[in-house]
N, C-alpha and C. Protein backbone atom coordinates (compact mmCIF):
# COMPACT_ATOMS: atom_id res chain seq x y z
N MET A 1 -4.40 -87.32 -82.91
CA MET A 1 -4.83 -88.86 -83.52
C MET A 1 -3.70 -89.73 -82.42
N ALA A 2 -4.55 -90.89 -82.18
CA ALA A 2 -3.76 -91.71 -81.60
C ALA A 2 -2.74 -92.64 -81.87
N ILE A 3 -1.80 -92.88 -81.22
CA ILE A 3 -0.54 -93.85 -81.64
C ILE A 3 -0.59 -95.01 -81.66
N SER A 4 -0.24 -95.73 -82.67
CA SER A 4 -0.31 -97.04 -82.74
C SER A 4 0.34 -98.11 -81.62
N ALA A 5 0.35 -99.18 -81.36
CA ALA A 5 1.31 -99.96 -80.45
C ALA A 5 2.66 -99.87 -80.86
N GLN A 6 2.67 -100.17 -82.15
CA GLN A 6 3.68 -100.32 -82.91
C GLN A 6 4.60 -98.87 -82.75
N GLN A 7 4.44 -97.79 -82.96
CA GLN A 7 4.63 -96.41 -82.75
C GLN A 7 5.09 -96.29 -80.72
N ARG A 8 4.16 -96.72 -80.19
CA ARG A 8 4.60 -96.34 -78.93
C ARG A 8 5.91 -97.45 -78.53
N GLN A 9 5.92 -98.36 -78.83
CA GLN A 9 6.85 -99.40 -78.54
C GLN A 9 8.61 -98.76 -79.35
N LYS A 10 8.36 -97.95 -80.41
CA LYS A 10 9.45 -97.13 -80.94
C LYS A 10 9.75 -95.87 -79.99
N LYS A 11 8.74 -95.40 -79.75
CA LYS A 11 9.16 -93.85 -79.00
C LYS A 11 10.11 -94.75 -77.75
N LEU A 12 9.44 -95.94 -77.09
CA LEU A 12 10.05 -96.22 -75.67
C LEU A 12 11.32 -97.06 -75.95
N ALA A 13 11.18 -97.21 -77.17
CA ALA A 13 13.01 -98.09 -77.49
C ALA A 13 13.93 -96.66 -77.53
N LYS A 14 13.32 -95.56 -78.13
CA LYS A 14 14.16 -94.47 -78.35
C LYS A 14 14.94 -93.77 -77.03
N LYS A 15 13.58 -93.47 -76.11
CA LYS A 15 13.85 -93.17 -75.03
C LYS A 15 14.97 -94.15 -74.15
N LYS A 16 14.63 -95.42 -74.13
CA LYS A 16 15.61 -96.29 -73.44
C LYS A 16 17.02 -96.64 -73.90
N GLN A 17 17.07 -96.05 -75.19
CA GLN A 17 18.72 -96.32 -76.16
C GLN A 17 19.08 -94.41 -75.57
N LYS A 18 18.61 -93.91 -75.31
CA LYS A 18 18.89 -92.52 -74.73
C LYS A 18 19.57 -92.64 -73.38
N ARG A 19 18.87 -93.23 -72.58
CA ARG A 19 19.25 -93.63 -71.28
C ARG A 19 20.50 -94.43 -71.36
N LYS A 20 20.44 -95.24 -72.13
CA LYS A 20 21.92 -95.99 -72.23
C LYS A 20 23.06 -95.03 -72.66
N ASP A 21 22.47 -94.23 -73.58
CA ASP A 21 23.71 -93.35 -73.97
C ASP A 21 24.31 -92.29 -73.07
N VAL A 22 23.19 -91.74 -71.89
CA VAL A 22 23.81 -91.31 -71.16
C VAL A 22 24.52 -91.75 -70.03
N VAL A 23 24.12 -93.23 -69.78
CA VAL A 23 25.26 -94.00 -69.13
C VAL A 23 26.50 -94.17 -69.34
N ARG A 24 26.44 -94.59 -70.75
CA ARG A 24 27.93 -94.75 -71.29
C ARG A 24 28.63 -93.36 -70.91
N LYS A 25 28.07 -92.34 -71.32
CA LYS A 25 28.81 -91.08 -71.13
C LYS A 25 29.18 -90.64 -69.70
N VAL A 26 28.69 -90.99 -68.55
CA VAL A 26 28.70 -90.94 -67.50
C VAL A 26 29.59 -91.82 -66.48
N THR A 27 29.47 -93.19 -66.83
CA THR A 27 30.18 -94.23 -66.33
C THR A 27 31.53 -94.23 -66.07
N PRO A 28 32.26 -93.46 -67.47
CA PRO A 28 33.74 -93.87 -67.18
C PRO A 28 34.47 -92.80 -66.47
N SER A 29 33.36 -91.68 -66.01
CA SER A 29 34.38 -90.40 -65.34
C SER A 29 33.87 -90.88 -63.54
N MET A 30 32.47 -91.91 -63.76
CA MET A 30 32.45 -92.09 -62.37
C MET A 30 33.22 -93.36 -61.94
N LYS A 31 33.41 -93.93 -62.64
CA LYS A 31 33.95 -95.47 -62.26
C LYS A 31 35.65 -96.05 -62.46
N LYS A 32 35.92 -95.27 -63.75
CA LYS A 32 37.37 -95.67 -64.18
C LYS A 32 38.18 -94.21 -63.25
N ALA A 33 39.48 -94.64 -62.55
CA ALA A 33 40.33 -93.91 -61.87
C ALA A 33 40.87 -93.09 -63.01
N LYS A 34 41.50 -93.76 -64.01
CA LYS A 34 42.39 -93.13 -65.04
C LYS A 34 41.73 -91.51 -65.41
N ALA A 35 40.24 -91.72 -65.52
CA ALA A 35 39.84 -90.21 -65.78
C ALA A 35 40.08 -88.98 -64.71
N TYR A 36 40.59 -89.43 -63.35
CA TYR A 36 41.13 -88.35 -62.81
C TYR A 36 42.35 -88.16 -62.39
N VAL A 37 43.50 -88.94 -63.41
CA VAL A 37 44.67 -88.58 -62.90
C VAL A 37 45.18 -87.27 -63.39
N GLY A 38 44.69 -86.22 -64.30
CA GLY A 38 45.22 -84.97 -64.18
C GLY A 38 44.86 -84.02 -62.99
N TYR A 39 44.38 -84.37 -62.03
CA TYR A 39 43.99 -83.56 -60.98
C TYR A 39 45.02 -83.63 -60.04
N PRO A 40 45.17 -82.50 -59.35
CA PRO A 40 46.85 -82.66 -58.19
C PRO A 40 46.10 -83.76 -56.91
N ILE A 41 47.29 -84.27 -56.69
CA ILE A 41 47.59 -85.21 -55.27
C ILE A 41 47.00 -84.30 -54.08
N HIS A 42 46.02 -85.05 -53.43
CA HIS A 42 45.46 -84.18 -52.41
C HIS A 42 46.08 -85.24 -50.84
N GLU A 43 46.38 -85.97 -50.97
CA GLU A 43 47.09 -86.98 -49.81
C GLU A 43 47.35 -88.17 -49.79
N CYS A 44 48.35 -88.98 -49.39
CA CYS A 44 48.60 -90.28 -49.42
C CYS A 44 48.74 -90.77 -47.89
N LEU A 45 48.27 -91.99 -47.58
CA LEU A 45 48.28 -92.48 -46.23
C LEU A 45 48.34 -93.96 -46.15
N ILE A 46 49.37 -94.24 -45.08
CA ILE A 46 49.04 -95.45 -44.56
C ILE A 46 49.35 -95.71 -43.20
N PRO A 47 49.08 -96.89 -42.68
CA PRO A 47 49.17 -96.83 -41.00
C PRO A 47 50.64 -96.66 -41.15
N ASN A 48 51.09 -96.29 -39.78
CA ASN A 48 52.36 -95.82 -39.15
C ASN A 48 52.81 -97.40 -38.59
N ASP A 49 51.90 -98.15 -38.46
CA ASP A 49 52.36 -99.50 -37.77
C ASP A 49 52.26 -100.72 -38.98
N LEU A 50 52.30 -100.07 -40.42
CA LEU A 50 52.11 -100.89 -41.22
C LEU A 50 52.94 -102.13 -41.33
N PHE A 51 54.04 -102.11 -40.88
CA PHE A 51 55.31 -103.10 -41.26
C PHE A 51 55.67 -103.75 -40.04
N THR A 52 54.80 -102.95 -39.04
CA THR A 52 54.74 -104.29 -37.81
C THR A 52 53.77 -105.33 -37.81
N THR A 53 52.36 -104.27 -38.02
CA THR A 53 51.36 -105.58 -38.00
C THR A 53 51.28 -106.20 -39.16
N GLY A 54 51.90 -105.73 -40.15
CA GLY A 54 51.79 -106.47 -41.75
C GLY A 54 50.56 -106.23 -42.77
N ILE A 55 49.45 -105.72 -41.92
CA ILE A 55 48.57 -105.15 -42.99
C ILE A 55 47.72 -103.94 -42.59
N GLY A 56 47.36 -103.21 -43.59
CA GLY A 56 46.59 -102.11 -43.33
C GLY A 56 46.00 -101.13 -44.69
N GLU A 57 45.66 -100.25 -44.56
CA GLU A 57 45.11 -99.44 -46.02
C GLU A 57 46.15 -98.75 -46.23
N LEU A 58 46.38 -98.29 -47.90
CA LEU A 58 47.28 -97.30 -48.34
C LEU A 58 46.06 -96.59 -49.30
N VAL A 59 46.19 -95.40 -49.06
CA VAL A 59 45.07 -94.62 -49.54
C VAL A 59 45.82 -93.33 -50.49
N VAL A 60 45.50 -93.22 -51.59
CA VAL A 60 45.84 -92.06 -52.17
C VAL A 60 44.82 -91.50 -52.80
N THR A 61 44.71 -90.26 -52.74
CA THR A 61 43.93 -89.02 -53.39
C THR A 61 44.09 -88.18 -54.11
N ARG A 62 42.91 -87.77 -55.00
CA ARG A 62 43.52 -86.32 -55.87
C ARG A 62 42.13 -85.35 -55.21
N ARG A 63 42.49 -84.53 -55.43
CA ARG A 63 41.34 -83.17 -55.60
C ARG A 63 40.68 -82.87 -56.85
N LEU A 64 39.57 -82.68 -57.07
CA LEU A 64 38.52 -82.29 -57.95
C LEU A 64 38.61 -80.65 -58.15
N PRO A 65 38.45 -80.19 -59.24
CA PRO A 65 38.20 -78.56 -59.18
C PRO A 65 36.85 -78.22 -58.36
N ASN A 66 35.91 -79.26 -58.26
CA ASN A 66 34.46 -78.95 -57.44
C ASN A 66 34.97 -79.18 -55.97
N GLY A 67 36.12 -79.73 -55.53
CA GLY A 67 36.24 -79.92 -53.92
C GLY A 67 35.93 -81.59 -53.85
N ASP A 68 35.54 -82.18 -54.52
CA ASP A 68 35.42 -83.61 -54.38
C ASP A 68 36.63 -84.25 -54.29
N ILE A 69 36.64 -85.62 -53.74
CA ILE A 69 37.86 -86.05 -53.63
C ILE A 69 37.74 -87.26 -54.11
N ALA A 70 38.93 -87.74 -55.34
CA ALA A 70 38.92 -89.23 -55.98
C ALA A 70 39.80 -90.14 -54.97
N MET A 71 39.58 -91.31 -54.66
CA MET A 71 40.25 -91.79 -53.73
C MET A 71 40.16 -93.39 -54.26
N SER A 72 41.35 -93.81 -53.87
CA SER A 72 41.83 -95.07 -54.61
C SER A 72 42.50 -95.75 -53.11
N ALA A 73 41.95 -96.74 -52.63
CA ALA A 73 42.11 -97.61 -51.72
C ALA A 73 42.53 -99.09 -51.41
N PHE A 74 43.83 -99.44 -50.62
CA PHE A 74 44.35 -100.94 -51.09
C PHE A 74 44.40 -101.15 -49.80
N VAL A 75 43.73 -102.43 -49.30
CA VAL A 75 44.37 -103.18 -48.40
C VAL A 75 45.17 -103.96 -48.32
N THR A 76 46.40 -103.64 -47.77
CA THR A 76 47.69 -104.36 -48.18
C THR A 76 48.27 -105.16 -47.24
N ASP A 77 48.60 -106.20 -47.52
CA ASP A 77 49.58 -107.21 -46.83
C ASP A 77 51.03 -107.13 -47.20
N VAL A 78 51.75 -106.58 -46.51
CA VAL A 78 53.37 -106.49 -46.98
C VAL A 78 54.17 -107.78 -46.18
N PHE A 79 53.31 -108.69 -45.65
CA PHE A 79 54.06 -109.68 -44.92
C PHE A 79 53.69 -111.00 -46.20
N CYS A 80 52.73 -110.86 -46.82
CA CYS A 80 52.76 -112.05 -48.00
C CYS A 80 51.92 -111.90 -48.91
N LEU A 81 50.75 -111.48 -48.89
CA LEU A 81 49.53 -111.65 -49.85
C LEU A 81 49.64 -110.23 -50.72
N GLY A 82 50.10 -109.68 -50.68
CA GLY A 82 49.94 -108.21 -51.43
C GLY A 82 48.77 -107.54 -51.25
N VAL A 83 48.02 -107.05 -52.38
CA VAL A 83 46.91 -106.33 -51.95
C VAL A 83 45.47 -107.16 -52.23
N LYS A 84 44.89 -107.02 -50.96
CA LYS A 84 43.95 -108.40 -50.86
C LYS A 84 42.94 -107.68 -50.84
N ASP A 85 42.59 -106.23 -51.13
CA ASP A 85 41.36 -105.53 -51.78
C ASP A 85 41.51 -104.43 -52.45
N ALA A 86 40.81 -103.72 -53.08
CA ALA A 86 41.11 -102.62 -53.75
C ALA A 86 39.61 -101.97 -53.95
N MET A 87 39.68 -100.42 -53.87
CA MET A 87 38.57 -99.72 -54.36
C MET A 87 38.83 -98.64 -54.69
N PHE A 88 38.08 -97.79 -55.79
CA PHE A 88 37.61 -96.56 -56.17
C PHE A 88 36.63 -95.99 -56.28
N MET A 89 36.56 -94.66 -55.52
CA MET A 89 35.52 -93.98 -55.30
C MET A 89 35.75 -92.49 -55.45
N VAL A 90 34.80 -91.56 -55.96
CA VAL A 90 34.76 -90.38 -55.82
C VAL A 90 33.44 -89.67 -54.94
N MET A 91 33.90 -88.80 -54.14
CA MET A 91 32.96 -88.29 -52.64
C MET A 91 33.20 -87.02 -52.65
N PRO A 92 32.41 -86.28 -51.87
CA PRO A 92 32.43 -84.83 -51.10
C PRO A 92 33.67 -84.96 -50.36
N GLU A 93 34.10 -83.89 -50.38
CA GLU A 93 35.55 -83.94 -49.14
C GLU A 93 34.80 -84.32 -47.64
N SER A 94 33.67 -83.69 -47.43
CA SER A 94 33.15 -84.11 -46.17
C SER A 94 32.88 -85.29 -45.81
N GLU A 95 32.42 -86.19 -46.94
CA GLU A 95 32.57 -87.63 -46.57
C GLU A 95 33.79 -88.32 -46.50
N TYR A 96 34.88 -87.76 -47.11
CA TYR A 96 36.27 -88.72 -47.14
C TYR A 96 36.64 -87.96 -45.92
N GLU A 97 36.60 -87.03 -44.96
CA GLU A 97 37.43 -86.79 -44.04
C GLU A 97 36.51 -87.44 -42.92
N TYR A 98 34.90 -87.40 -42.67
CA TYR A 98 34.36 -87.76 -41.76
C TYR A 98 33.49 -88.82 -41.80
N LYS A 99 33.75 -89.28 -42.85
CA LYS A 99 33.38 -90.97 -43.05
C LYS A 99 34.43 -91.96 -43.22
N ILE A 100 35.27 -91.57 -44.49
CA ILE A 100 36.23 -92.59 -44.45
C ILE A 100 37.41 -92.80 -43.70
N LYS A 101 37.77 -91.60 -43.10
CA LYS A 101 38.83 -91.31 -42.51
C LYS A 101 38.68 -91.78 -40.96
N ASP A 102 37.33 -91.45 -40.71
CA ASP A 102 37.13 -91.83 -39.20
C ASP A 102 36.85 -93.41 -39.05
N ARG A 103 36.55 -93.86 -39.84
CA ARG A 103 36.29 -95.75 -40.12
C ARG A 103 37.77 -95.78 -39.92
N MET A 104 38.73 -95.10 -40.91
CA MET A 104 40.24 -95.79 -40.90
C MET A 104 41.04 -95.48 -39.37
N PHE A 105 40.47 -94.49 -38.71
CA PHE A 105 40.99 -94.25 -37.44
C PHE A 105 39.98 -94.96 -36.23
N ALA A 106 39.14 -95.87 -36.56
CA ALA A 106 37.89 -96.02 -35.83
C ALA A 106 38.60 -97.02 -34.36
N GLY A 107 38.36 -96.36 -33.14
CA GLY A 107 38.78 -97.35 -31.86
C GLY A 107 40.22 -96.75 -31.52
N GLY A 108 40.72 -95.82 -32.30
CA GLY A 108 41.57 -94.99 -31.81
C GLY A 108 43.12 -95.68 -31.88
N GLU A 109 43.10 -96.82 -32.16
CA GLU A 109 44.17 -98.00 -32.06
C GLU A 109 45.39 -97.80 -33.09
N ARG A 110 44.85 -96.94 -33.83
CA ARG A 110 45.84 -96.81 -35.24
C ARG A 110 46.35 -95.17 -35.28
N ASN A 111 47.26 -95.06 -36.26
CA ASN A 111 47.50 -93.81 -36.65
C ASN A 111 48.07 -93.85 -38.11
N PHE A 112 47.52 -92.71 -39.05
CA PHE A 112 47.83 -92.80 -40.04
C PHE A 112 48.75 -91.71 -40.45
N GLU A 113 49.96 -92.23 -41.31
CA GLU A 113 50.73 -90.78 -41.40
C GLU A 113 50.95 -90.79 -42.73
N LYS A 114 51.19 -89.36 -43.43
CA LYS A 114 51.15 -89.16 -44.76
C LYS A 114 52.51 -89.32 -45.35
N LEU A 115 52.28 -89.91 -46.86
CA LEU A 115 54.05 -90.14 -47.24
C LEU A 115 53.56 -89.48 -48.63
N HIS A 116 55.07 -89.17 -49.04
CA HIS A 116 55.00 -88.75 -50.81
C HIS A 116 54.49 -89.70 -51.83
N GLN A 117 53.83 -89.18 -52.49
CA GLN A 117 53.10 -89.81 -53.68
C GLN A 117 54.01 -90.83 -54.21
N SER A 118 55.10 -90.16 -54.33
CA SER A 118 56.37 -90.94 -54.92
C SER A 118 56.80 -92.41 -54.18
N CYS A 119 56.48 -92.16 -52.94
CA CYS A 119 56.76 -93.70 -51.66
C CYS A 119 55.70 -94.58 -52.01
N ALA A 120 54.35 -94.08 -51.88
CA ALA A 120 53.04 -94.61 -51.76
C ALA A 120 52.98 -95.44 -53.19
N LYS A 121 53.39 -94.95 -53.82
CA LYS A 121 53.72 -95.52 -55.25
C LYS A 121 54.52 -96.96 -55.62
N LYS A 122 55.80 -96.47 -54.74
CA LYS A 122 57.00 -97.57 -54.67
C LYS A 122 56.32 -98.47 -53.79
N LEU A 123 55.91 -98.16 -52.61
CA LEU A 123 55.30 -99.39 -51.52
C LEU A 123 54.34 -100.16 -52.38
N LEU A 124 53.33 -99.50 -52.88
CA LEU A 124 52.38 -100.63 -53.33
C LEU A 124 52.86 -101.12 -54.85
N ASP A 125 53.80 -100.86 -55.61
CA ASP A 125 54.70 -101.67 -56.74
C ASP A 125 55.30 -102.60 -56.19
N GLY A 126 56.15 -102.15 -55.12
CA GLY A 126 56.80 -103.54 -54.75
C GLY A 126 55.98 -104.49 -53.77
N VAL A 127 54.92 -104.10 -52.98
CA VAL A 127 54.39 -105.39 -52.50
C VAL A 127 53.42 -106.05 -53.34
N VAL A 128 52.96 -105.52 -54.52
CA VAL A 128 52.45 -106.53 -55.41
C VAL A 128 53.50 -107.28 -56.14
N ASP A 129 54.66 -106.90 -56.37
CA ASP A 129 55.50 -107.71 -57.07
C ASP A 129 55.91 -108.92 -56.09
N TYR A 130 56.19 -108.34 -54.90
CA TYR A 130 56.69 -109.62 -53.81
C TYR A 130 55.58 -110.43 -53.84
N ALA A 131 54.09 -110.20 -53.70
CA ALA A 131 53.17 -111.03 -53.71
C ALA A 131 53.09 -112.27 -54.73
N LYS A 132 53.44 -111.41 -56.06
CA LYS A 132 53.09 -111.96 -57.35
C LYS A 132 54.62 -113.13 -57.15
N ASP A 133 55.68 -112.68 -56.96
CA ASP A 133 56.49 -113.99 -56.76
C ASP A 133 56.40 -114.75 -56.08
N LEU A 134 55.56 -114.80 -54.95
CA LEU A 134 55.40 -115.86 -54.34
C LEU A 134 54.38 -116.76 -54.62
N GLY A 135 53.53 -116.13 -55.75
CA GLY A 135 52.04 -116.83 -56.67
C GLY A 135 50.92 -116.25 -56.36
N PHE A 136 50.78 -115.00 -55.81
CA PHE A 136 49.65 -114.27 -55.40
C PHE A 136 49.20 -112.88 -56.04
N ASN A 137 48.29 -113.00 -57.14
CA ASN A 137 47.82 -111.87 -57.68
C ASN A 137 46.91 -110.78 -56.66
N PRO A 138 47.24 -109.61 -57.07
CA PRO A 138 46.66 -108.77 -56.51
C PRO A 138 44.84 -108.62 -56.83
N HIS A 139 44.25 -108.12 -56.10
CA HIS A 139 42.50 -108.41 -56.26
C HIS A 139 42.26 -107.49 -57.27
N PRO A 140 41.03 -108.21 -57.87
CA PRO A 140 40.73 -107.99 -59.48
C PRO A 140 40.68 -106.41 -59.69
N ASP A 141 40.29 -105.54 -58.50
CA ASP A 141 40.01 -104.26 -58.60
C ASP A 141 41.14 -103.53 -58.41
N TYR A 142 41.85 -104.20 -58.27
CA TYR A 142 43.52 -103.00 -58.20
C TYR A 142 44.01 -102.31 -59.29
N LYS A 143 44.03 -103.11 -60.38
CA LYS A 143 44.26 -102.19 -61.94
C LYS A 143 43.44 -100.99 -61.78
N ASN A 144 42.35 -101.13 -61.75
CA ASN A 144 41.23 -99.93 -61.90
C ASN A 144 41.95 -98.77 -60.91
N ALA A 145 42.12 -99.50 -59.68
CA ALA A 145 42.39 -98.40 -58.64
C ALA A 145 43.52 -97.85 -58.58
N ASN A 146 44.55 -98.35 -59.50
CA ASN A 146 46.25 -98.37 -59.39
C ASN A 146 46.13 -97.21 -60.37
N GLU A 147 45.21 -97.21 -61.09
CA GLU A 147 45.39 -96.15 -62.36
C GLU A 147 45.32 -94.42 -61.87
N LEU A 148 44.77 -94.55 -60.42
CA LEU A 148 45.02 -92.89 -60.00
C LEU A 148 46.09 -92.57 -59.84
N PHE A 149 47.43 -93.25 -59.78
CA PHE A 149 48.87 -92.55 -59.79
C PHE A 149 49.22 -92.10 -60.90
N GLY A 150 48.48 -92.76 -61.99
CA GLY A 150 48.92 -91.88 -63.31
C GLY A 150 50.49 -91.97 -63.45
N THR A 151 50.87 -91.34 -63.87
CA THR A 151 52.61 -91.02 -64.14
C THR A 151 53.63 -90.85 -63.31
N ILE A 152 53.10 -91.03 -61.92
CA ILE A 152 54.13 -90.79 -60.38
C ILE A 152 54.76 -91.45 -60.90
N ASP A 153 56.22 -90.87 -60.67
CA ASP A 153 57.14 -91.43 -60.86
C ASP A 153 58.14 -92.31 -59.43
N ALA A 154 57.51 -93.83 -59.28
CA ALA A 154 58.12 -94.00 -57.65
C ALA A 154 59.74 -94.25 -57.82
N SER A 155 60.28 -94.36 -58.73
CA SER A 155 62.38 -94.22 -58.46
C SER A 155 62.52 -93.43 -57.37
N VAL A 156 61.92 -92.18 -57.82
CA VAL A 156 62.40 -90.57 -56.98
C VAL A 156 62.50 -90.72 -55.40
N CYS A 157 61.40 -91.99 -55.02
CA CYS A 157 61.29 -92.19 -53.30
C CYS A 157 62.45 -92.81 -52.76
N PRO A 158 63.43 -92.05 -52.15
CA PRO A 158 64.61 -92.76 -51.56
C PRO A 158 64.49 -93.83 -50.52
N VAL A 159 63.10 -94.15 -50.06
CA VAL A 159 62.64 -95.43 -48.83
C VAL A 159 62.98 -96.43 -49.39
N LYS A 160 63.52 -97.30 -48.71
CA LYS A 160 63.52 -99.05 -49.38
C LYS A 160 62.98 -99.85 -48.40
N TYR A 161 61.68 -99.91 -48.63
CA TYR A 161 60.69 -100.96 -48.32
C TYR A 161 61.14 -102.78 -48.25
N ILE A 162 61.09 -103.19 -47.34
CA ILE A 162 61.61 -104.57 -46.83
C ILE A 162 60.10 -105.23 -46.68
N TYR A 163 59.57 -106.36 -47.57
CA TYR A 163 58.61 -106.79 -47.18
C TYR A 163 58.84 -108.40 -46.70
N GLY A 164 57.85 -108.96 -46.11
CA GLY A 164 57.95 -110.29 -45.44
C GLY A 164 58.35 -109.85 -43.88
N ARG A 165 58.67 -110.74 -43.02
CA ARG A 165 58.88 -110.81 -41.92
C ARG A 165 60.16 -111.39 -41.35
N ASP A 166 61.13 -110.75 -40.76
CA ASP A 166 62.12 -111.48 -40.66
C ASP A 166 62.91 -112.42 -41.39
N GLY A 167 62.72 -111.40 -42.77
CA GLY A 167 63.55 -112.44 -44.08
C GLY A 167 62.78 -113.52 -44.86
N LYS A 168 61.38 -113.74 -44.28
CA LYS A 168 60.52 -114.65 -45.12
C LYS A 168 59.37 -114.59 -45.34
N PRO A 169 58.54 -114.68 -46.25
CA PRO A 169 57.20 -114.68 -46.14
C PRO A 169 56.17 -114.70 -44.86
N PHE A 170 55.32 -114.28 -44.27
CA PHE A 170 54.50 -114.77 -43.12
C PHE A 170 53.03 -114.54 -43.30
N TYR A 171 52.39 -115.61 -43.61
CA TYR A 171 50.92 -115.73 -43.66
C TYR A 171 50.45 -115.57 -42.30
N MET A 172 49.44 -115.03 -41.68
CA MET A 172 48.07 -115.08 -41.05
C MET A 172 47.19 -115.07 -41.71
N ASN A 173 46.10 -116.17 -41.40
CA ASN A 173 44.89 -116.09 -42.02
C ASN A 173 44.06 -114.86 -41.49
N GLY A 174 43.14 -114.50 -42.70
CA GLY A 174 42.11 -113.30 -42.17
C GLY A 174 40.78 -113.88 -41.68
N PRO A 175 39.94 -112.94 -41.37
CA PRO A 175 38.65 -113.50 -41.10
C PRO A 175 37.77 -113.97 -42.12
N TYR A 176 37.89 -113.57 -42.94
CA TYR A 176 37.32 -114.10 -44.31
C TYR A 176 37.86 -115.04 -44.97
N GLU A 177 38.87 -115.35 -44.62
CA GLU A 177 39.34 -117.22 -45.49
C GLU A 177 39.17 -118.01 -44.96
N SER A 178 38.51 -118.73 -45.62
CA SER A 178 37.93 -120.27 -44.78
C SER A 178 39.30 -120.99 -44.97
N PRO A 179 39.02 -122.05 -44.02
CA PRO A 179 40.32 -123.27 -43.95
C PRO A 179 40.65 -123.90 -45.18
N ALA A 180 39.90 -123.83 -46.11
CA ALA A 180 40.12 -124.35 -47.58
C ALA A 180 41.02 -123.33 -48.34
N GLU A 181 40.95 -122.30 -48.34
CA GLU A 181 41.35 -120.68 -48.72
C GLU A 181 42.68 -120.82 -48.13
N SER A 182 42.71 -120.97 -46.80
CA SER A 182 44.24 -121.00 -46.01
C SER A 182 44.93 -121.98 -46.43
N GLN A 183 44.64 -123.24 -46.52
CA GLN A 183 45.60 -124.21 -47.30
C GLN A 183 45.76 -124.16 -48.29
N ARG A 184 45.28 -123.54 -49.38
CA ARG A 184 45.53 -122.91 -50.20
C ARG A 184 46.84 -122.22 -50.46
N ILE A 185 46.48 -121.43 -49.44
CA ILE A 185 47.90 -120.24 -49.46
C ILE A 185 49.10 -120.75 -48.79
N ILE A 186 48.88 -121.69 -47.96
CA ILE A 186 49.93 -122.50 -47.57
C ILE A 186 50.55 -123.40 -48.41
N ASN A 187 49.73 -123.94 -49.52
CA ASN A 187 50.22 -124.93 -50.31
C ASN A 187 50.92 -124.10 -51.47
N THR A 188 50.71 -122.87 -51.79
CA THR A 188 51.30 -121.93 -52.56
C THR A 188 52.72 -121.47 -52.11
N LEU A 189 52.55 -121.30 -50.72
CA LEU A 189 53.84 -121.03 -50.14
C LEU A 189 54.91 -122.04 -50.25
N THR A 190 54.38 -123.60 -49.86
CA THR A 190 54.93 -124.41 -49.77
C THR A 190 55.80 -124.86 -50.82
N ASN A 191 55.17 -124.57 -52.10
CA ASN A 191 55.89 -124.96 -53.61
C ASN A 191 56.49 -124.03 -54.21
N LYS A 192 56.43 -123.15 -53.31
CA LYS A 192 57.34 -121.80 -53.99
C LYS A 192 58.55 -121.92 -53.12
N CYS A 193 58.58 -121.85 -51.58
CA CYS A 193 59.68 -121.72 -50.70
C CYS A 193 59.94 -122.46 -49.96
N GLY A 194 58.96 -123.99 -50.06
CA GLY A 194 59.66 -125.08 -49.13
C GLY A 194 59.18 -125.03 -47.74
N ALA A 195 59.10 -126.17 -47.17
CA ALA A 195 58.57 -126.42 -46.00
C ALA A 195 58.84 -125.06 -44.99
N ASP A 196 60.33 -124.99 -44.84
CA ASP A 196 60.88 -123.83 -44.13
C ASP A 196 60.91 -122.66 -44.54
N GLY A 197 60.49 -122.24 -45.62
CA GLY A 197 60.75 -121.08 -46.14
C GLY A 197 59.79 -120.16 -45.85
N PHE A 198 59.02 -119.98 -45.11
CA PHE A 198 57.99 -118.98 -44.69
C PHE A 198 57.38 -119.40 -43.15
N HIS A 199 56.70 -118.34 -42.46
CA HIS A 199 56.50 -118.31 -41.36
C HIS A 199 54.87 -118.03 -41.55
N THR A 200 54.14 -118.93 -40.43
CA THR A 200 52.68 -118.77 -40.62
C THR A 200 51.87 -119.07 -39.08
N ILE A 201 50.73 -118.31 -39.15
CA ILE A 201 50.01 -118.64 -37.64
C ILE A 201 48.64 -118.57 -38.42
N ILE A 202 47.88 -119.66 -38.00
CA ILE A 202 46.48 -119.91 -38.51
C ILE A 202 45.48 -119.82 -37.08
N ARG A 203 44.63 -118.90 -37.43
CA ARG A 203 43.88 -118.37 -36.13
C ARG A 203 42.47 -119.32 -36.38
N PHE A 204 42.00 -120.31 -35.46
CA PHE A 204 40.28 -120.57 -35.55
C PHE A 204 40.14 -120.55 -34.03
N ASP A 205 39.01 -119.91 -33.86
CA ASP A 205 38.28 -119.61 -32.69
C ASP A 205 39.17 -119.11 -31.37
N ASP A 206 39.82 -118.37 -31.85
CA ASP A 206 40.70 -117.39 -31.28
C ASP A 206 42.28 -118.21 -31.12
N GLU A 207 42.36 -119.53 -31.46
CA GLU A 207 43.32 -119.95 -30.98
C GLU A 207 44.17 -119.76 -32.27
N ASP A 208 45.58 -120.14 -31.83
CA ASP A 208 46.88 -119.83 -32.67
C ASP A 208 47.40 -121.04 -32.98
N PHE A 209 47.46 -121.45 -34.71
CA PHE A 209 48.31 -123.15 -34.77
C PHE A 209 49.11 -122.36 -35.55
N MET A 210 50.76 -123.16 -35.24
CA MET A 210 51.70 -122.83 -35.98
C MET A 210 52.21 -123.55 -36.94
């Protein structure tokens, strides 16, 4: 017996709802870092020249029972702006080792060092607080990515991290910051620190302006 158009629409609607329910069930475990905090830490990495160049990736990873790696990565400016970018993703270990880490080491100009999970948390917490005090909030994706740390206790880390350069915030514009955005950052620093309270280098067309 042929079904009516109304019945066909009801069946399609029911199938569509089932697909939505599946997405709801899958999405939290795929996109929310908090869902993975029960798994053991795999490694935490930072560039060994982070406090010389001022900027680099801080990476924290956990190993899943199936061998996959849950990773949060933070583009961290320890001289001024704090967390400029952040992301969380889950991937096979081979992708983490031969794609993500290869890209981090690209060009052979940087080396990454492992650090204890408590120190990774302490470093990240500190740079976020430092930047917030200057008037700069972390990247919107920082909150989710930061959840991967879980209940790691930063206070047990014996290392003392000092942010800024030569005792002051230091801002050097990045390749994706427009002149207007750079000026906004300088205005924020001026309001907070005074005209002589920070250092800056603005690069335009490979030239430096102090």
